[in-house]
Amino acid sequence: MITVKVTRRGQTTIPVEIRKKLGIKEGDELLVEATRNGVLFKVIPKIEELAGVDSKFGSTEEVKREVESLRREY
């Protein structure tokens, strides 16, 4: 477990070991959820990670809608 500090502006840094392990890069989006025991960060899947799903859904717009649906589920 790693300890981090929160800045005056409410910011914190995700330690490099965790970013590497989860593949988090600059510009990636995370969902933040308050839990009973603290704060939970969830990585939002990128469209590129869903390569090939367009054949299942037919169009880019359908893929985007599906990605947004999955993001809301997380």
C-alpha atoms as a PDB file:
ATOM      1  CA  MET A   1       0.000   0.000   0.000  1.00  0.00           C
ATOM      2  CA  ILE A   2       1.277   3.458  -0.925  1.00  0.00           C
ATOM      3  CA  THR A   3       0.460   6.732   0.845  1.00  0.00           C
ATOM      4  CA  VAL A   4      -0.219   9.875  -1.211  1.00  0.00           C
ATOM      5  CA  LYS A   5      -1.100  13.428  -0.185  1.00  0.00           C
ATOM      6  CA  VAL A   6      -3.934  15.622  -1.394  1.00  0.00           C
ATOM      7  CA  THR A   7      -2.976  19.137  -2.488  1.00  0.00           C
ATOM      8  CA  ARG A   8      -4.768  22.317  -1.504  1.00  0.00           C
ATOM      9  CA  ARG A   9      -6.631  22.075  -4.827  1.00  0.00           C
ATOM     10  CA  GLY A  10      -7.825  18.523  -4.096  1.00  0.00           C
ATOM     11  CA  GLN A  11      -5.327  16.870  -6.429  1.00  0.00           C
ATOM     12  CA  THR A  12      -3.228  13.788  -5.827  1.00  0.00           C
ATOM     13  CA  THR A  13      -0.709  11.845  -7.890  1.00  0.00           C
ATOM     14  CA  ILE A  14      -1.197   8.202  -8.784  1.00  0.00           C
ATOM     15  CA  PRO A  15       2.155   6.544  -8.039  1.00  0.00           C
ATOM     16  CA  VAL A  16       4.144   5.473 -11.107  1.00  0.00           C
ATOM     17  CA  GLU A  17       4.101   1.793 -10.068  1.00  0.00           C
ATOM     18  CA  ILE A  18       0.304   1.783 -10.117  1.00  0.00           C
ATOM     19  CA  ARG A  19       0.101   3.755 -13.385  1.00  0.00           C
ATOM     20  CA  LYS A  20       2.432   1.257 -15.057  1.00  0.00           C
ATOM     21  CA  LYS A  21       0.606  -1.764 -13.645  1.00  0.00           C
ATOM     22  CA  LEU A  22      -2.765  -0.461 -14.877  1.00  0.00           C
ATOM     23  CA  GLY A  23      -1.469   1.127 -18.086  1.00  0.00           C
ATOM     24  CA  ILE A  24      -2.669   4.597 -17.083  1.00  0.00           C
ATOM     25  CA  LYS A  25      -1.207   7.349 -19.259  1.00  0.00           C
ATOM     26  CA  GLU A  26      -1.502  11.129 -19.413  1.00  0.00           C
ATOM     27  CA  GLY A  27      -4.938  12.111 -20.691  1.00  0.00           C
ATOM     28  CA  ASP A  28      -6.629   8.850 -19.663  1.00  0.00           C
ATOM     29  CA  GLU A  29      -9.963   9.210 -17.923  1.00  0.00           C
ATOM     30  CA  LEU A  30     -10.843   7.571 -14.631  1.00  0.00           C
ATOM     31  CA  LEU A  31     -14.150   7.220 -12.869  1.00  0.00           C
ATOM     32  CA  VAL A  32     -14.045   8.316  -9.229  1.00  0.00           C
ATOM     33  CA  GLU A  33     -16.481   6.842  -6.748  1.00  0.00           C
ATOM     34  CA  ALA A  34     -16.942   7.511  -3.039  1.00  0.00           C
ATOM     35  CA  THR A  35     -17.247   4.224  -1.174  1.00  0.00           C
ATOM     36  CA  ARG A  36     -17.984   3.432   2.430  1.00  0.00           C
ATOM     37  CA  ASN A  37     -14.272   2.850   3.041  1.00  0.00           C
ATOM     38  CA  GLY A  38     -12.709   5.556   0.880  1.00  0.00           C
ATOM     39  CA  VAL A  39     -12.305   6.527  -2.756  1.00  0.00           C
ATOM     40  CA  LEU A  40     -12.315   4.110  -5.691  1.00  0.00           C
ATOM     41  CA  PHE A  41     -10.729   4.976  -9.044  1.00  0.00           C
ATOM     42  CA  LYS A  42     -11.715   2.935 -12.107  1.00  0.00           C
ATOM     43  CA  VAL A  43      -9.956   3.062 -15.470  1.00  0.00           C
ATOM     44  CA  ILE A  44     -12.355   3.845 -18.320  1.00  0.00           C
ATOM     45  CA  PRO A  45     -11.695   1.536 -21.286  1.00  0.00           C
ATOM     46  CA  LYS A  46     -10.441   3.294 -24.415  1.00  0.00           C
ATOM     47  CA  ILE A  47     -12.149   2.819 -27.761  1.00  0.00           C
ATOM     48  CA  GLU A  48      -8.871   1.456 -29.151  1.00  0.00           C
ATOM     49  CA  GLU A  49      -9.013  -1.357 -26.577  1.00  0.00           C
ATOM     50  CA  LEU A  50     -12.311  -2.397 -28.070  1.00  0.00           C
ATOM     51  CA  ALA A  51     -10.802  -2.866 -31.546  1.00  0.00           C
ATOM     52  CA  GLY A  52     -12.881  -5.145 -33.694  1.00  0.00           C
ATOM     53  CA  VAL A  53     -16.150  -4.540 -31.912  1.00  0.00           C
ATOM     54  CA  ASP A  54     -17.334  -2.401 -34.816  1.00  0.00           C
ATOM     55  CA  SER A  55     -17.990  -5.556 -36.784  1.00  0.00           C
ATOM     56  CA  LYS A  56     -20.333  -6.659 -33.999  1.00  0.00           C
ATOM     57  CA  PHE A  57     -22.175  -3.335 -33.815  1.00  0.00           C
ATOM     58  CA  GLY A  58     -21.934  -2.256 -37.440  1.00  0.00           C
ATOM     59  CA  SER A  59     -20.947   1.416 -37.265  1.00  0.00           C
ATOM     60  CA  THR A  60     -18.636   3.761 -35.421  1.00  0.00           C
ATOM     61  CA  GLU A  61     -21.606   5.556 -33.885  1.00  0.00           C
ATOM     62  CA  GLU A  62     -22.976   2.278 -32.534  1.00  0.00           C
ATOM     63  CA  VAL A  63     -19.572   1.486 -31.046  1.00  0.00           C
ATOM     64  CA  LYS A  64     -19.423   4.928 -29.402  1.00  0.00           C
ATOM     65  CA  ARG A  65     -22.893   4.405 -27.917  1.00  0.00           C
ATOM     66  CA  GLU A  66     -21.842   1.002 -26.580  1.00  0.00           C
ATOM     67  CA  VAL A  67     -18.664   2.460 -25.057  1.00  0.00           C
ATOM     68  CA  GLU A  68     -20.672   5.209 -23.345  1.00  0.00           C
ATOM     69  CA  SER A  69     -23.061   2.569 -22.025  1.00  0.00           C
ATOM     70  CA  LEU A  70     -20.142   0.552 -20.636  1.00  0.00           C
ATOM     71  CA  ARG A  71     -18.650   3.666 -19.061  1.00  0.00           C
ATOM     72  CA  ARG A  72     -21.913   4.392 -17.249  1.00  0.00           C
ATOM     73  CA  GLU A  73     -21.937   0.822 -15.916  1.00  0.00           C
ATOM     74  CA  TYR A  74     -18.498   1.317 -14.360  1.00  0.00           C
END
